[in-house]
């Protein structure tokens, strides 16, 4: 009886080890939001001439359908194909990650308040920011690049300023390097948009 019990316990331990060995690697989650130390520095002087808060509305970012998912999409290194990484994921769908990161950067650099989904002030000028990701890709361990078209519309008069940010940044290391490179690209995009807002606010 004891010998049989020992055999059963040994088989159970072996099965557990086998199951653990076959388990899928645990997914890691990433965000494009900058850490406090990486946040954009405020511009010299307030962007609002009246001293009141500067109202901005950062709308959802449009991305190509192939990128509209929770997994990171990177080049697979074989003939320019793309690969979805099931073990490297965004904390929210990519359009949300991009919008939140841009909003964070613009609020910091412009000393502004993002009123997206909260309603615009009826008495103060506001600036609606729309962005379209034309291209966004990365070679893990090499580089990340993006082309982002953006528009700033002053409300209520509707005056518009449009621009396009193109950037390529080194992305050494593994996926963490790609995420860091994307953050740098978004910071550059936010800096260009901030200049547009300031131009319309004169």
C-alpha atoms as a PDB file:
ATOM      1  CA  UNK A   1       0.000   0.000   0.000  1.00  0.00           C
ATOM      2  CA  UNK A   2       2.776   2.416   0.963  1.00  0.00           C
ATOM      3  CA  UNK A   3       4.667   1.588  -2.219  1.00  0.00           C
ATOM      4  CA  UNK A   4       1.560   2.307  -4.307  1.00  0.00           C
ATOM      5  CA  UNK A   5       0.955   5.619  -2.523  1.00  0.00           C
ATOM      6  CA  UNK A   6       4.543   6.673  -3.121  1.00  0.00           C
ATOM      7  CA  UNK A   7       4.209   5.820  -6.801  1.00  0.00           C
ATOM      8  CA  UNK A   8       1.009   7.857  -7.110  1.00  0.00           C
ATOM      9  CA  UNK A   9       2.639  10.863  -5.431  1.00  0.00           C
ATOM     10  CA  UNK A  10       5.628  10.583  -7.749  1.00  0.00           C
ATOM     11  CA  UNK A  11       3.368  10.449 -10.814  1.00  0.00           C
ATOM     12  CA  UNK A  12       1.390  13.458  -9.583  1.00  0.00           C
ATOM     13  CA  UNK A  13       4.595  15.474  -9.058  1.00  0.00           C
ATOM     14  CA  UNK A  14       5.828  14.511 -12.512  1.00  0.00           C
ATOM     15  CA  UNK A  15       2.510  15.577 -14.076  1.00  0.00           C
ATOM     16  CA  UNK A  16       2.623  18.923 -12.285  1.00  0.00           C
ATOM     17  CA  UNK A  17       6.182  19.530 -13.490  1.00  0.00           C
ATOM     18  CA  UNK A  18       5.173  18.639 -17.040  1.00  0.00           C
ATOM     19  CA  UNK A  19       2.156  20.975 -16.950  1.00  0.00           C
ATOM     20  CA  UNK A  20       4.271  23.827 -15.606  1.00  0.00           C
ATOM     21  CA  UNK A  21       6.833  23.230 -18.311  1.00  0.00           C
ATOM     22  CA  UNK A  22       4.153  23.382 -21.008  1.00  0.00           C
ATOM     23  CA  UNK A  23       2.416  26.490 -19.646  1.00  0.00           C
ATOM     24  CA  UNK A  24       2.467  29.564 -21.863  1.00  0.00           C
ATOM     25  CA  UNK A  25       4.870  32.347 -20.822  1.00  0.00           C
ATOM     26  CA  UNK A  26       3.160  34.999 -18.750  1.00  0.00           C
ATOM     27  CA  UNK A  27       2.245  38.145 -20.667  1.00  0.00           C
ATOM     28  CA  UNK A  28       3.948  41.434 -19.787  1.00  0.00           C
ATOM     29  CA  UNK A  29       2.013  44.683 -20.051  1.00  0.00           C
ATOM     30  CA  UNK A  30       3.349  48.049 -21.207  1.00  0.00           C
ATOM     31  CA  UNK A  31       2.066  51.610 -21.268  1.00  0.00           C
ATOM     32  CA  UNK A  32       3.009  54.620 -23.371  1.00  0.00           C
ATOM     33  CA  UNK A  33       2.344  57.011 -20.514  1.00  0.00           C
ATOM     34  CA  UNK A  34       5.561  58.698 -19.476  1.00  0.00           C
ATOM     35  CA  UNK A  35       6.878  58.362 -15.961  1.00  0.00           C
ATOM     36  CA  UNK A  36       6.890  61.523 -13.864  1.00  0.00           C
ATOM     37  CA  UNK A  37      10.592  62.065 -14.572  1.00  0.00           C
ATOM     38  CA  UNK A  38      10.005  61.723 -18.336  1.00  0.00           C
ATOM     39  CA  UNK A  39       7.048  64.103 -18.526  1.00  0.00           C
ATOM     40  CA  UNK A  40       7.377  67.047 -20.868  1.00  0.00           C
ATOM     41  CA  UNK A  41       8.695  70.233 -19.256  1.00  0.00           C
ATOM     42  CA  UNK A  42       6.268  73.128 -19.095  1.00  0.00           C
ATOM     43  CA  UNK A  43       6.690  75.842 -21.693  1.00  0.00           C
ATOM     44  CA  UNK A  44       7.920  79.253 -20.599  1.00  0.00           C
ATOM     45  CA  UNK A  45       4.896  81.176 -19.411  1.00  0.00           C
ATOM     46  CA  UNK A  46       1.284  80.030 -19.488  1.00  0.00           C
ATOM     47  CA  UNK A  47      -0.237  79.286 -22.875  1.00  0.00           C
ATOM     48  CA  UNK A  48      -3.451  81.022 -21.816  1.00  0.00           C
ATOM     49  CA  UNK A  49      -3.112  84.780 -22.115  1.00  0.00           C
ATOM     50  CA  UNK A  50      -5.887  85.435 -19.584  1.00  0.00           C
ATOM     51  CA  UNK A  51      -4.226  83.359 -16.886  1.00  0.00           C
ATOM     52  CA  UNK A  52      -7.206  80.974 -16.870  1.00  0.00           C
ATOM     53  CA  UNK A  53      -6.617  77.293 -17.596  1.00  0.00           C
ATOM     54  CA  UNK A  54      -5.932  76.468 -21.213  1.00  0.00           C
ATOM     55  CA  UNK A  55      -8.612  74.070 -22.413  1.00  0.00           C
ATOM     56  CA  UNK A  56      -7.627  71.319 -24.824  1.00  0.00           C
ATOM     57  CA  UNK A  57      -9.605  68.381 -26.134  1.00  0.00           C
ATOM     58  CA  UNK A  58      -7.417  65.460 -27.211  1.00  0.00           C
ATOM     59  CA  UNK A  59      -9.652  63.185 -29.256  1.00  0.00           C
ATOM     60  CA  UNK A  60      -9.112  59.423 -29.796  1.00  0.00           C
ATOM     61  CA  UNK A  61      -6.152  58.638 -32.041  1.00  0.00           C
ATOM     62  CA  UNK A  62      -6.884  56.865 -35.303  1.00  0.00           C
ATOM     63  CA  UNK A  63      -4.541  54.008 -36.185  1.00  0.00           C
ATOM     64  CA  UNK A  64      -4.313  51.539 -39.100  1.00  0.00           C
ATOM     65  CA  UNK A  65      -6.503  48.506 -38.450  1.00  0.00           C
ATOM     66  CA  UNK A  66      -3.508  46.162 -38.290  1.00  0.00           C
ATOM     67  CA  UNK A  67      -2.300  48.051 -35.209  1.00  0.00           C
ATOM     68  CA  UNK A  68      -5.688  48.342 -33.513  1.00  0.00           C
ATOM     69  CA  UNK A  69      -5.164  45.581 -30.963  1.00  0.00           C
ATOM     70  CA  UNK A  70      -3.827  44.966 -27.490  1.00  0.00           C
ATOM     71  CA  UNK A  71      -0.723  43.046 -28.569  1.00  0.00           C
ATOM     72  CA  UNK A  72       2.431  44.845 -29.652  1.00  0.00           C
ATOM     73  CA  UNK A  73       2.966  44.545 -33.390  1.00  0.00           C
ATOM     74  CA  UNK A  74       6.588  44.475 -34.517  1.00  0.00           C
ATOM     75  CA  UNK A  75       8.527  43.453 -37.605  1.00  0.00           C
ATOM     76  CA  UNK A  76       9.478  39.787 -37.634  1.00  0.00           C
ATOM     77  CA  UNK A  77      12.817  40.374 -39.368  1.00  0.00           C
ATOM     78  CA  UNK A  78      11.930  38.138 -42.300  1.00  0.00           C
ATOM     79  CA  UNK A  79      11.163  40.032 -45.464  1.00  0.00           C
ATOM     80  CA  UNK A  80       9.306  42.887 -43.799  1.00  0.00           C
ATOM     81  CA  UNK A  81       6.512  40.785 -42.273  1.00  0.00           C
ATOM     82  CA  UNK A  82       4.730  41.672 -39.043  1.00  0.00           C
ATOM     83  CA  UNK A  83       4.442  39.674 -35.839  1.00  0.00           C
ATOM     84  CA  UNK A  84       1.941  39.931 -32.981  1.00  0.00           C
ATOM     85  CA  UNK A  85       3.530  39.358 -29.604  1.00  0.00           C
ATOM     86  CA  UNK A  86       1.134  37.486 -27.316  1.00  0.00           C
ATOM     87  CA  UNK A  87       3.527  37.922 -24.395  1.00  0.00           C
ATOM     88  CA  UNK A  88       3.965  41.701 -24.862  1.00  0.00           C
ATOM     89  CA  UNK A  89       0.741  43.659 -24.591  1.00  0.00           C
ATOM     90  CA  UNK A  90      -0.486  47.203 -24.040  1.00  0.00           C
ATOM     91  CA  UNK A  91      -2.370  47.917 -20.832  1.00  0.00           C
ATOM     92  CA  UNK A  92      -5.230  49.183 -23.043  1.00  0.00           C
ATOM     93  CA  UNK A  93      -5.926  49.124 -26.804  1.00  0.00           C
ATOM     94  CA  UNK A  94      -3.272  51.078 -28.718  1.00  0.00           C
ATOM     95  CA  UNK A  95      -5.551  54.011 -29.722  1.00  0.00           C
ATOM     96  CA  UNK A  96      -6.275  54.596 -26.019  1.00  0.00           C
ATOM     97  CA  UNK A  97      -2.601  54.320 -25.095  1.00  0.00           C
ATOM     98  CA  UNK A  98      -1.679  56.895 -27.740  1.00  0.00           C
ATOM     99  CA  UNK A  99      -4.447  59.330 -26.775  1.00  0.00           C
ATOM    100  CA  UNK A 100      -3.679  59.154 -23.063  1.00  0.00           C
ATOM    101  CA  UNK A 101       0.070  59.582 -23.626  1.00  0.00           C
ATOM    102  CA  UNK A 102      -0.407  62.597 -25.921  1.00  0.00           C
ATOM    103  CA  UNK A 103      -2.859  64.136 -23.471  1.00  0.00           C
ATOM    104  CA  UNK A 104      -0.392  63.684 -20.618  1.00  0.00           C
ATOM    105  CA  UNK A 105       2.429  65.309 -22.584  1.00  0.00           C
ATOM    106  CA  UNK A 106       0.301  68.239 -23.795  1.00  0.00           C
ATOM    107  CA  UNK A 107      -1.154  68.974 -20.380  1.00  0.00           C
ATOM    108  CA  UNK A 108       2.333  69.033 -18.906  1.00  0.00           C
ATOM    109  CA  UNK A 109       3.977  71.127 -21.616  1.00  0.00           C
ATOM    110  CA  UNK A 110       1.120  73.626 -22.058  1.00  0.00           C
ATOM    111  CA  UNK A 111      -0.042  73.750 -18.430  1.00  0.00           C
ATOM    112  CA  UNK A 112      -3.423  72.809 -19.903  1.00  0.00           C
ATOM    113  CA  UNK A 113      -6.524  70.846 -18.923  1.00  0.00           C
ATOM    114  CA  UNK A 114      -7.802  68.088 -21.197  1.00  0.00           C
ATOM    115  CA  UNK A 115     -11.602  68.256 -21.210  1.00  0.00           C
ATOM    116  CA  UNK A 116     -12.174  65.235 -23.455  1.00  0.00           C
ATOM    117  CA  UNK A 117     -15.548  63.679 -22.498  1.00  0.00           C
ATOM    118  CA  UNK A 118     -16.076  66.383 -19.889  1.00  0.00           C
ATOM    119  CA  UNK A 119     -17.489  69.158 -22.080  1.00  0.00           C
ATOM    120  CA  UNK A 120     -15.861  72.328 -23.346  1.00  0.00           C
ATOM    121  CA  UNK A 121     -15.900  75.671 -21.585  1.00  0.00           C
ATOM    122  CA  UNK A 122     -18.462  77.986 -23.121  1.00  0.00           C
ATOM    123  CA  UNK A 123     -16.554  81.144 -22.207  1.00  0.00           C
ATOM    124  CA  UNK A 124     -12.904  80.354 -22.980  1.00  0.00           C
ATOM    125  CA  UNK A 125     -11.196  79.374 -26.256  1.00  0.00           C
ATOM    126  CA  UNK A 126     -10.473  75.671 -26.541  1.00  0.00           C
ATOM    127  CA  UNK A 127      -8.220  73.702 -28.852  1.00  0.00           C
ATOM    128  CA  UNK A 128      -9.304  70.356 -30.290  1.00  0.00           C
ATOM    129  CA  UNK A 129      -6.424  68.027 -31.158  1.00  0.00           C
ATOM    130  CA  UNK A 130      -6.956  65.202 -33.644  1.00  0.00           C
ATOM    131  CA  UNK A 131      -4.239  62.762 -34.677  1.00  0.00           C
ATOM    132  CA  UNK A 132      -3.873  60.024 -37.275  1.00  0.00           C
ATOM    133  CA  UNK A 133      -1.110  57.443 -37.137  1.00  0.00           C
ATOM    134  CA  UNK A 134      -0.054  57.019 -40.750  1.00  0.00           C
ATOM    135  CA  UNK A 135       2.723  54.545 -39.910  1.00  0.00           C
ATOM    136  CA  UNK A 136       4.094  53.027 -36.713  1.00  0.00           C
ATOM    137  CA  UNK A 137       6.516  50.128 -36.717  1.00  0.00           C
ATOM    138  CA  UNK A 138       9.572  48.764 -34.996  1.00  0.00           C
ATOM    139  CA  UNK A 139      12.418  46.287 -35.398  1.00  0.00           C
ATOM    140  CA  UNK A 140      13.105  44.892 -31.925  1.00  0.00           C
ATOM    141  CA  UNK A 141      16.660  45.673 -30.913  1.00  0.00           C
ATOM    142  CA  UNK A 142      17.133  48.154 -33.772  1.00  0.00           C
ATOM    143  CA  UNK A 143      14.750  51.060 -34.306  1.00  0.00           C
ATOM    144  CA  UNK A 144      11.208  52.397 -34.114  1.00  0.00           C
ATOM    145  CA  UNK A 145       9.645  54.852 -36.539  1.00  0.00           C
ATOM    146  CA  UNK A 146       6.378  56.701 -36.961  1.00  0.00           C
ATOM    147  CA  UNK A 147       4.568  59.178 -39.143  1.00  0.00           C
ATOM    148  CA  UNK A 148       1.766  60.978 -37.303  1.00  0.00           C
ATOM    149  CA  UNK A 149      -0.524  63.575 -38.911  1.00  0.00           C
ATOM    150  CA  UNK A 150      -2.175  66.015 -36.531  1.00  0.00           C
ATOM    151  CA  UNK A 151      -4.597  68.935 -36.570  1.00  0.00           C
ATOM    152  CA  UNK A 152      -5.301  71.643 -34.004  1.00  0.00           C
ATOM    153  CA  UNK A 153      -8.673  73.396 -34.332  1.00  0.00           C
ATOM    154  CA  UNK A 154      -9.408  76.514 -32.307  1.00  0.00           C
ATOM    155  CA  UNK A 155     -12.950  76.693 -30.984  1.00  0.00           C
ATOM    156  CA  UNK A 156     -15.331  78.317 -31.429  1.00  0.00           C
ATOM    157  CA  UNK A 157     -14.083  80.107 -34.568  1.00  0.00           C
ATOM    158  CA  UNK A 158     -12.753  76.923 -36.200  1.00  0.00           C
ATOM    159  CA  UNK A 159      -9.322  78.193 -37.247  1.00  0.00           C
ATOM    160  CA  UNK A 160      -7.143  75.190 -38.094  1.00  0.00           C
ATOM    161  CA  UNK A 161      -3.444  74.391 -38.109  1.00  0.00           C
ATOM    162  CA  UNK A 162      -2.216  71.030 -39.418  1.00  0.00           C
ATOM    163  CA  UNK A 163       1.135  69.327 -39.289  1.00  0.00           C
ATOM    164  CA  UNK A 164       2.947  66.034 -39.623  1.00  0.00           C
ATOM    165  CA  UNK A 165       5.562  64.548 -37.314  1.00  0.00           C
ATOM    166  CA  UNK A 166       7.984  62.002 -38.716  1.00  0.00           C
ATOM    167  CA  UNK A 167      10.527  60.410 -36.421  1.00  0.00           C
ATOM    168  CA  UNK A 168      12.865  57.435 -36.182  1.00  0.00           C
ATOM    169  CA  UNK A 169      14.466  56.490 -32.865  1.00  0.00           C
ATOM    170  CA  UNK A 170      16.950  53.806 -31.859  1.00  0.00           C
ATOM    171  CA  UNK A 171      15.330  50.938 -29.936  1.00  0.00           C
ATOM    172  CA  UNK A 172      18.126  48.856 -28.403  1.00  0.00           C
ATOM    173  CA  UNK A 173      17.464  45.801 -26.298  1.00  0.00           C
ATOM    174  CA  UNK A 174      14.165  43.943 -26.282  1.00  0.00           C
ATOM    175  CA  UNK A 175      10.535  45.091 -26.254  1.00  0.00           C
ATOM    176  CA  UNK A 176      11.240  47.606 -23.484  1.00  0.00           C
ATOM    177  CA  UNK A 177      13.475  49.461 -25.952  1.00  0.00           C
ATOM    178  CA  UNK A 178      10.632  49.660 -28.471  1.00  0.00           C
ATOM    179  CA  UNK A 179       8.227  51.044 -25.863  1.00  0.00           C
ATOM    180  CA  UNK A 180      10.783  53.655 -24.780  1.00  0.00           C
ATOM    181  CA  UNK A 181      11.350  54.654 -28.416  1.00  0.00           C
ATOM    182  CA  UNK A 182       7.598  55.033 -28.971  1.00  0.00           C
ATOM    183  CA  UNK A 183       7.414  57.293 -25.909  1.00  0.00           C
ATOM    184  CA  UNK A 184      10.157  59.492 -27.371  1.00  0.00           C
ATOM    185  CA  UNK A 185       8.305  59.690 -30.681  1.00  0.00           C
ATOM    186  CA  UNK A 186       5.083  60.687 -28.922  1.00  0.00           C
ATOM    187  CA  UNK A 187       6.962  63.330 -26.933  1.00  0.00           C
ATOM    188  CA  UNK A 188       8.256  64.803 -30.199  1.00  0.00           C
ATOM    189  CA  UNK A 189       4.732  64.731 -31.650  1.00  0.00           C
ATOM    190  CA  UNK A 190       3.299  66.434 -28.570  1.00  0.00           C
ATOM    191  CA  UNK A 191       6.010  69.122 -28.790  1.00  0.00           C
ATOM    192  CA  UNK A 192       5.028  69.854 -32.404  1.00  0.00           C
ATOM    193  CA  UNK A 193       1.333  69.981 -31.484  1.00  0.00           C
ATOM    194  CA  UNK A 194       2.073  72.284 -28.536  1.00  0.00           C
ATOM    195  CA  UNK A 195       3.755  74.753 -30.890  1.00  0.00           C
ATOM    196  CA  UNK A 196       0.610  74.645 -33.048  1.00  0.00           C
ATOM    197  CA  UNK A 197      -1.623  75.358 -30.074  1.00  0.00           C
ATOM    198  CA  UNK A 198       0.539  78.272 -29.010  1.00  0.00           C
ATOM    199  CA  UNK A 199       0.477  79.653 -32.537  1.00  0.00           C
ATOM    200  CA  UNK A 200      -3.332  79.642 -32.597  1.00  0.00           C
ATOM    201  CA  UNK A 201      -3.543  81.112 -29.118  1.00  0.00           C
ATOM    202  CA  UNK A 202      -1.779  84.358 -29.977  1.00  0.00           C
END
